[in-house]
Protein backbone atom coordinates (compact mmCIF):
# COMPACT_ATOMS: atom_id res chain seq x y z
CA UNK A 1 47.67 -0.68 -76.63
CA UNK A 2 45.05 0.91 -74.70
CA UNK A 3 41.60 1.83 -76.93
CA UNK A 4 40.47 5.74 -76.56
CA UNK A 5 36.75 6.10 -75.54
CA UNK A 6 34.53 7.78 -78.27
CA UNK A 7 34.50 11.62 -77.34
CA UNK A 8 30.59 11.28 -77.42
CA UNK A 9 29.04 8.11 -76.40
CA UNK A 10 25.73 6.68 -77.95
CA UNK A 11 23.06 6.28 -75.36
CA UNK A 12 22.24 3.19 -77.82
CA UNK A 13 25.65 1.48 -77.21
CA UNK A 14 26.46 -1.43 -75.00
CA UNK A 15 27.94 -1.66 -71.29
CA UNK A 16 30.82 -3.49 -71.08
CA UNK A 17 31.07 -6.09 -67.95
CA UNK A 18 33.84 -8.20 -67.28
CA UNK A 19 34.88 -10.82 -64.48
CA UNK A 20 37.94 -13.39 -64.33
CA UNK A 21 35.37 -15.60 -65.19
CA UNK A 22 31.65 -16.73 -64.55
CA UNK A 23 31.20 -14.89 -61.15
CA UNK A 24 30.43 -11.75 -62.60
CA UNK A 25 27.25 -13.43 -64.21
CA UNK A 26 25.88 -12.79 -60.58
CA UNK A 27 26.14 -8.90 -61.15
CA UNK A 28 25.07 -9.21 -64.88
CA UNK A 29 21.85 -10.72 -63.58
CA UNK A 30 20.81 -7.49 -61.37
CA UNK A 31 22.01 -5.42 -64.58
CA UNK A 32 19.70 -7.07 -66.49
CA UNK A 33 16.81 -6.86 -64.07
CA UNK A 34 17.34 -3.17 -63.25
CA UNK A 35 18.07 -2.17 -66.96
CA UNK A 36 16.51 -4.71 -69.38
CA UNK A 37 16.43 -2.52 -72.46
CA UNK A 38 20.49 -1.89 -72.44
CA UNK A 39 22.58 -3.96 -74.51
CA UNK A 40 25.45 -5.77 -72.86
CA UNK A 41 28.86 -7.14 -73.55
CA UNK A 42 30.38 -9.48 -71.12
CA UNK A 43 33.68 -10.96 -70.97
CA UNK A 44 34.67 -14.03 -69.15
CA UNK A 45 38.51 -13.86 -68.93
CA UNK A 46 38.60 -17.66 -67.70
CA UNK A 47 41.71 -17.95 -69.69
CA UNK A 48 43.55 -15.87 -67.44
CA UNK A 49 42.03 -17.03 -64.10
CA UNK A 50 42.27 -17.03 -61.27
CA UNK A 51 42.77 -13.16 -60.73
CA UNK A 52 43.03 -13.94 -56.97
CA UNK A 53 46.63 -15.22 -57.13
CA UNK A 54 48.08 -12.47 -59.82
CA UNK A 55 50.30 -9.43 -58.77
CA UNK A 56 48.52 -6.25 -58.90
CA UNK A 57 50.82 -4.94 -61.49
CA UNK A 58 49.67 -7.76 -63.92
CA UNK A 59 46.12 -7.17 -62.72
CA UNK A 60 46.29 -3.56 -63.96
CA UNK A 61 47.73 -4.54 -67.37
CA UNK A 62 44.94 -7.32 -67.78
CA UNK A 63 42.13 -5.10 -66.93
CA UNK A 64 43.09 -2.42 -69.10
CA UNK A 65 43.70 -4.79 -71.91
CA UNK A 66 39.80 -6.22 -71.19
CA UNK A 67 38.68 -2.81 -71.01
CA UNK A 68 40.35 -1.87 -74.12
CA UNK A 69 38.57 -4.80 -75.98
CA UNK A 70 35.18 -3.82 -74.71
CA UNK A 71 35.48 -0.15 -75.57
CA UNK A 72 36.66 -0.84 -79.04
CA UNK A 73 33.58 -3.19 -79.58
CA UNK A 74 31.45 -0.19 -78.32
CA UNK A 75 31.24 0.00 -74.63
CA UNK A 76 29.71 3.14 -73.29
CA UNK A 77 30.10 2.22 -69.99
CA UNK A 78 31.98 -0.46 -67.77
CA UNK A 79 31.07 -2.51 -64.96
CA UNK A 80 34.38 -4.33 -63.08
CA UNK A 81 32.29 -7.16 -61.96
CA UNK A 82 35.22 -8.43 -59.84
CA UNK A 83 36.03 -7.76 -56.41
CA UNK A 84 39.76 -8.52 -56.81
CA UNK A 85 39.84 -6.42 -60.47
CA UNK A 86 38.19 -3.50 -58.50
CA UNK A 87 41.10 -3.40 -55.62
CA UNK A 88 43.75 -3.53 -57.96
CA UNK A 89 42.69 -1.54 -61.11
CA UNK A 90 39.66 0.61 -60.74
CA UNK A 91 41.70 3.59 -60.10
CA UNK A 92 44.10 2.95 -63.30
CA UNK A 93 40.99 2.55 -65.39
CA UNK A 94 39.26 5.70 -64.25
CA UNK A 95 42.40 7.79 -65.10
CA UNK A 96 42.40 5.89 -68.56
CA UNK A 97 38.72 6.79 -69.05
CA UNK A 98 37.91 9.73 -67.17
CA UNK A 99 34.81 10.71 -69.30
CA UNK A 100 33.23 7.20 -68.98
CA UNK A 101 31.00 5.71 -66.17
CA UNK A 102 33.03 3.14 -65.00
CA UNK A 103 31.27 0.87 -61.57
CA UNK A 104 33.53 -1.38 -59.58
CA UNK A 105 32.41 -3.65 -56.98
CA UNK A 106 33.72 -4.13 -53.37
CA UNK A 107 32.84 -5.97 -50.37
CA UNK A 108 29.86 -4.68 -48.50
CA UNK A 109 31.55 -3.83 -45.42
CA UNK A 110 29.27 -0.90 -44.28
CA UNK A 111 26.04 -2.85 -44.79
CA UNK A 112 27.39 -5.61 -42.91
CA UNK A 113 28.37 -3.79 -40.13
CA UNK A 114 24.94 -2.38 -39.96
CA UNK A 115 23.42 -5.84 -40.09
CA UNK A 116 25.60 -7.30 -37.70
CA UNK A 117 24.03 -7.55 -33.85
CA UNK A 118 27.08 -8.44 -32.23
CA UNK A 119 29.77 -6.42 -34.26
CA UNK A 120 31.69 -9.30 -35.62
CA UNK A 121 31.62 -9.75 -39.43
CA UNK A 122 33.17 -12.58 -41.19
CA UNK A 123 34.60 -11.59 -44.72
CA UNK A 124 34.93 -14.43 -47.47
CA UNK A 125 37.04 -12.87 -50.41
CA UNK A 126 40.21 -13.97 -52.45
CA UNK A 127 43.49 -13.53 -51.04
CA UNK A 128 44.25 -10.56 -53.19
CA UNK A 129 41.42 -8.62 -52.12
CA UNK A 130 42.01 -8.92 -48.34
CA UNK A 131 45.32 -7.78 -48.57
CA UNK A 132 44.50 -5.03 -50.86
CA UNK A 133 45.61 -1.86 -49.53
CA UNK A 134 42.39 -0.01 -50.61
CA UNK A 135 40.16 -2.76 -48.67
CA UNK A 136 42.19 -2.52 -45.76
CA UNK A 137 41.88 0.96 -45.37
CA UNK A 138 37.95 0.88 -45.78
CA UNK A 139 37.77 -1.57 -43.12
CA UNK A 140 39.78 0.53 -40.62
CA UNK A 141 37.61 3.18 -41.70
CA UNK A 142 34.15 1.38 -41.10
CA UNK A 143 35.76 -0.37 -38.30
CA UNK A 144 36.64 2.86 -36.39
CA UNK A 145 33.12 4.62 -37.10
CA UNK A 146 30.91 1.26 -35.90
CA UNK A 147 33.07 -0.65 -33.63
CA UNK A 148 32.78 -3.43 -36.02
CA UNK A 149 35.58 -6.32 -35.95
CA UNK A 150 35.56 -7.47 -39.63
CA UNK A 151 37.31 -11.16 -39.21
CA UNK A 152 39.07 -11.91 -42.69
CA UNK A 153 39.48 -14.82 -44.50
CA UNK A 154 40.82 -15.47 -47.92
CA UNK A 155 39.35 -18.21 -49.72
CA UNK A 156 42.35 -19.80 -52.38
CA UNK A 157 40.81 -22.71 -54.63
CA UNK A 158 37.12 -21.54 -54.29
CA UNK A 159 36.76 -19.55 -57.44
CA UNK A 160 38.78 -22.36 -59.45
CA UNK A 161 35.74 -24.78 -58.41
CA UNK A 162 33.06 -22.59 -59.28
CA UNK A 163 34.74 -22.10 -62.75
CA UNK A 164 34.26 -25.44 -63.28
CA UNK A 165 30.73 -25.36 -62.45
CA UNK A 166 31.01 -27.66 -59.48
CA UNK A 167 28.39 -25.78 -57.60
CA UNK A 168 27.02 -28.91 -55.28
CA UNK A 169 30.81 -30.85 -55.05
CA UNK A 170 32.05 -32.14 -52.18
CA UNK A 171 34.96 -30.59 -53.06
CA UNK A 172 33.19 -27.08 -52.82
CA UNK A 173 31.81 -28.09 -49.54
CA UNK A 174 35.27 -29.14 -48.03
CA UNK A 175 36.21 -25.25 -49.00
CA UNK A 176 33.35 -23.50 -47.61
CA UNK A 177 33.70 -25.82 -44.43
CA UNK A 178 37.44 -24.62 -44.18
CA UNK A 179 36.84 -21.18 -44.90
CA UNK A 180 33.16 -20.05 -43.43
CA UNK A 181 33.35 -22.55 -40.15
CA UNK A 182 36.39 -20.94 -38.42
CA UNK A 183 34.76 -17.52 -38.95
CA UNK A 184 31.54 -18.69 -37.28
CA UNK A 185 33.34 -20.35 -34.65
CA UNK A 186 34.64 -16.89 -33.71
CA UNK A 187 31.59 -15.54 -33.39
CA UNK A 188 30.78 -13.74 -36.61
CA UNK A 189 26.90 -13.22 -37.12
CA UNK A 190 27.15 -11.82 -40.51
CA UNK A 191 29.05 -12.64 -43.40
CA UNK A 192 30.02 -10.86 -46.57
CA UNK A 193 30.23 -12.48 -49.79
CA UNK A 194 33.22 -10.63 -51.13
CA UNK A 195 33.44 -12.02 -54.40
CA UNK A 196 31.14 -11.98 -57.32
CA UNK A 197 31.71 -15.62 -57.65
CA UNK A 198 30.18 -16.44 -54.33
CA UNK A 199 26.33 -15.93 -54.68
CA UNK A 200 26.44 -18.89 -57.03
CA UNK A 201 26.92 -21.40 -53.97
CA UNK A 202 24.89 -19.54 -51.39
CA UNK A 203 22.75 -23.08 -51.16
CA UNK A 204 25.89 -25.11 -49.88
CA UNK A 205 27.12 -22.35 -48.17
CA UNK A 206 23.92 -22.67 -45.91
CA UNK A 207 24.08 -26.13 -45.48
CA UNK A 208 27.49 -25.46 -44.22
CA UNK A 209 26.42 -22.95 -41.85
CA UNK A 210 23.65 -24.61 -40.55
CA UNK A 211 25.77 -27.57 -39.72
CA UNK A 212 28.19 -25.02 -37.58
CA UNK A 213 25.62 -23.12 -35.91
CA UNK A 214 22.20 -22.76 -34.58
CA UNK A 215 22.27 -19.09 -34.88
CA UNK A 216 20.84 -16.97 -37.57
CA UNK A 217 23.09 -15.72 -39.99
CA UNK A 218 23.08 -12.62 -42.21
CA UNK A 219 24.82 -12.97 -45.84
CA UNK A 220 25.84 -9.74 -47.68
CA UNK A 221 25.80 -9.57 -51.58
CA UNK A 222 26.19 -6.19 -53.45
CA UNK A 223 25.24 -7.21 -56.88
CA UNK A 224 21.92 -5.05 -56.71
CA UNK A 225 23.74 -2.19 -55.47
CA UNK A 226 26.06 -2.10 -58.37
CA UNK A 227 23.31 -2.41 -60.62
CA UNK A 228 21.22 0.44 -59.14
CA UNK A 229 24.55 2.97 -59.20
CA UNK A 230 25.16 2.02 -62.82
CA UNK A 231 21.44 3.10 -63.53
CA UNK A 232 22.05 6.39 -61.92
CA UNK A 233 25.72 6.89 -63.75
CA UNK A 234 24.15 6.33 -67.02
CA UNK A 235 21.16 8.61 -66.44
CA UNK A 236 23.26 11.46 -64.85
CA UNK A 237 25.48 11.20 -68.26
CA UNK A 238 22.50 10.85 -70.40
CA UNK A 239 23.57 7.34 -71.74
CA UNK A 240 20.32 5.34 -70.33
CA UNK A 241 19.35 3.74 -73.82
CA UNK A 242 16.11 5.64 -75.15
CA UNK A 243 14.14 2.55 -74.84
CA UNK A 244 14.42 2.45 -70.98
CA UNK A 245 11.41 3.45 -69.12
CA UNK A 246 13.34 5.84 -66.68
CA UNK A 247 10.16 6.34 -64.60
CA UNK A 248 11.43 3.27 -62.46
CA UNK A 249 15.13 4.38 -62.52
CA UNK A 250 15.56 6.10 -59.41
CA UNK A 251 18.48 8.52 -60.29
CA UNK A 252 19.04 10.57 -56.70
CA UNK A 253 20.14 8.71 -53.08
CA UNK A 254 20.67 5.38 -55.02
CA UNK A 255 22.47 3.33 -52.39
CA UNK A 256 26.46 2.70 -53.07
CA UNK A 257 27.41 0.42 -50.15
CA UNK A 258 29.39 -2.31 -51.53
CA UNK A 259 29.96 -0.15 -54.81
CA UNK A 260 33.28 1.30 -55.51
CA UNK A 261 32.56 5.03 -55.91
CA UNK A 262 36.15 6.40 -55.61
CA UNK A 263 36.55 9.17 -58.02
CA UNK A 264 32.82 9.19 -58.88
CA UNK A 265 30.13 11.36 -57.33
CA UNK A 266 27.85 9.42 -55.15
CA UNK A 267 24.92 9.79 -53.17
CA UNK A 268 23.24 7.45 -50.56
CA UNK A 269 24.89 5.35 -47.99
CA UNK A 270 22.48 2.95 -46.40
CA UNK A 271 22.27 -0.70 -47.07
CA UNK A 272 18.80 -0.21 -48.55
CA UNK A 273 20.31 -1.42 -52.32
CA UNK A 274 22.28 -4.47 -50.68
CA UNK A 275 21.08 -7.69 -50.61
CA UNK A 276 21.21 -9.27 -46.98
CA UNK A 277 19.86 -12.65 -46.97
CA UNK A 278 19.31 -14.21 -43.36
CA UNK A 279 19.71 -18.11 -43.06
CA UNK A 280 18.16 -19.98 -40.43
CA UNK A 281 19.68 -23.09 -38.35
CA UNK A 282 18.33 -25.38 -41.05
CA UNK A 283 20.02 -23.23 -43.84
CA UNK A 284 17.00 -21.79 -45.34
CA UNK A 285 17.43 -18.28 -46.70
CA UNK A 286 14.54 -15.78 -45.66
CA UNK A 287 15.30 -14.09 -48.71
CA UNK A 288 15.89 -15.28 -52.45
CA UNK A 289 19.24 -14.40 -53.47
CA UNK A 290 18.65 -15.57 -57.01
CA UNK A 291 14.88 -14.96 -57.99
CA UNK A 292 13.61 -17.29 -60.67
CA UNK A 293 13.90 -16.54 -64.13
CA UNK A 294 11.25 -15.83 -66.46
CA UNK A 295 11.16 -17.07 -69.97
CA UNK A 296 13.21 -13.99 -71.17
CA UNK A 297 15.94 -15.12 -68.98
CA UNK A 298 15.71 -12.05 -66.86
CA UNK A 299 14.16 -12.39 -63.21
CA UNK A 300 10.52 -11.07 -63.74
CA UNK A 301 10.95 -9.41 -66.79
CA UNK A 302 9.00 -9.33 -70.34
CA UNK A 303 11.37 -10.06 -73.10
CA UNK A 304 12.94 -7.11 -74.65
CA UNK A 305 15.05 -6.12 -77.72
CA UNK A 306 18.00 -5.75 -75.76
CA UNK A 307 21.05 -7.74 -77.17
CA UNK A 308 23.65 -9.70 -74.84
CA UNK A 309 27.11 -10.87 -76.47
CA UNK A 310 29.30 -13.10 -74.61
CA UNK A 311 33.17 -13.34 -74.92
CA UNK A 312 35.74 -15.14 -73.43
CA UNK A 313 39.67 -15.95 -73.33
CA UNK A 314 39.07 -19.85 -73.11
CA UNK A 315 36.57 -21.74 -74.69
CA UNK A 316 33.37 -20.52 -75.51
CA UNK A 317 31.41 -23.86 -74.62
CA UNK A 318 32.28 -23.33 -71.05
CA UNK A 319 30.74 -19.73 -71.07
CA UNK A 320 27.77 -21.14 -72.86
CA UNK A 321 27.16 -23.82 -70.21
CA UNK A 322 27.59 -21.05 -67.66
CA UNK A 323 25.16 -18.74 -69.31
CA UNK A 324 22.40 -21.41 -69.67
CA UNK A 325 23.01 -22.95 -66.36
CA UNK A 326 23.37 -19.78 -64.01
CA UNK A 327 21.24 -17.72 -66.02
CA UNK A 328 18.97 -19.73 -67.87
CA UNK A 329 19.87 -17.81 -71.14
CA UNK A 330 21.74 -18.88 -74.52
CA UNK A 331 23.17 -15.58 -75.98
CA UNK A 332 26.04 -15.69 -78.59
CA UNK A 333 29.45 -16.54 -77.28
CA UNK A 334 32.85 -16.07 -79.14
CA UNK A 335 36.28 -16.96 -77.97
CA UNK A 336 39.18 -13.89 -78.14
CA UNK A 337 42.43 -13.60 -77.78
CA UNK A 338 43.41 -10.20 -76.46
C-alpha cells in the first residue's frame, strides 16, 4: 500500500533521500552543505541492492515502497539519489505524489558535452541506466544538438564493491581499469560519473586515468546541481525550513544539468552547478570533489540543530560505518523491513 502525502506539508518536516545503498551519501553531502538547517531522512536500501541488475518493474515497485516509508515518516520532499531508480521510477513517483517536490538524478550529459574539447564523452553508469529508454532519448537529443559522441559503459559489479567499502582495493582498481580504460582508448576526454556511488572512488579512478593516458580528463558529477535544484523547489513551494537563511539560496536560474526535471518547472541549463574535476597526467584533481569536513560533519559549515536519521534494509552497523568513513558523521541508524 502506497503512503499518502499530507495535504499541507510542514516546512519543518524532513527531506527524504534514498538510494540502493551508500552511493546516495555523495548527494546527501551536497544537500547538507546547501541546506544545513533542513532535517533529513536517509534510506539505504542495501538489503535490496544492487538496483542495477533488477528489472524496471521491480525497481518501480521498490521505489514506491521506499518512498512510501519516507513519507509515512514525515518527509515533505523526496530526493531519488540513485541514477538507476530515477530512470526506472521517477515518472511513477511523481504521478503518485503530484504535489510533492521530487528530485531525481541523471548522468550529466549536457555539461559533459559542454566540457568536452574533442566531442567524445565516456559515460560510466549501471547497465540499467545506459539501457534505459529515457536515458537513451536524452543522449540522442544532446548528441544531435552538440554533435557529441557519447561512449556508454555499463559497470557491473562496481556498485557492489563500493557498498562493501573497498574503496582502494585491487578489485575496485581492476573494475575501473576494465570499464574506464576502453573509453579513454577511444579518445574520450570527459568522463561522466553516471552513478551516485562512483564519486567515492574518484581517487582510484584518477590513478587509473593517469596510467592509461597523459591527456587531461574532465570528470562530471551532478550532486551539487541536485542539491541546488532541491533548494529552489523548496523555496518555490514555501517549504524551506524557517531556520534556513534564504539570503544565500538562489531561487532563480538554478542549473538543472544532471538533474531529472521532467514533470517539474525548471530554469537554467548551463553547467555552472555541476561539479567538473580535471585530472592531469598524474591523476591529480584540479578541484576537490569532496571538500574536507568540519567538526559538524558538513563541509565548511558550523554545527546546526538539524537532525539526520538513517534507515537501512540491511544491517545498521554497515550504514553507520559508511556515514563515519565517507562523511565523518555518526547519525542514528535503524534497520527496517519494508
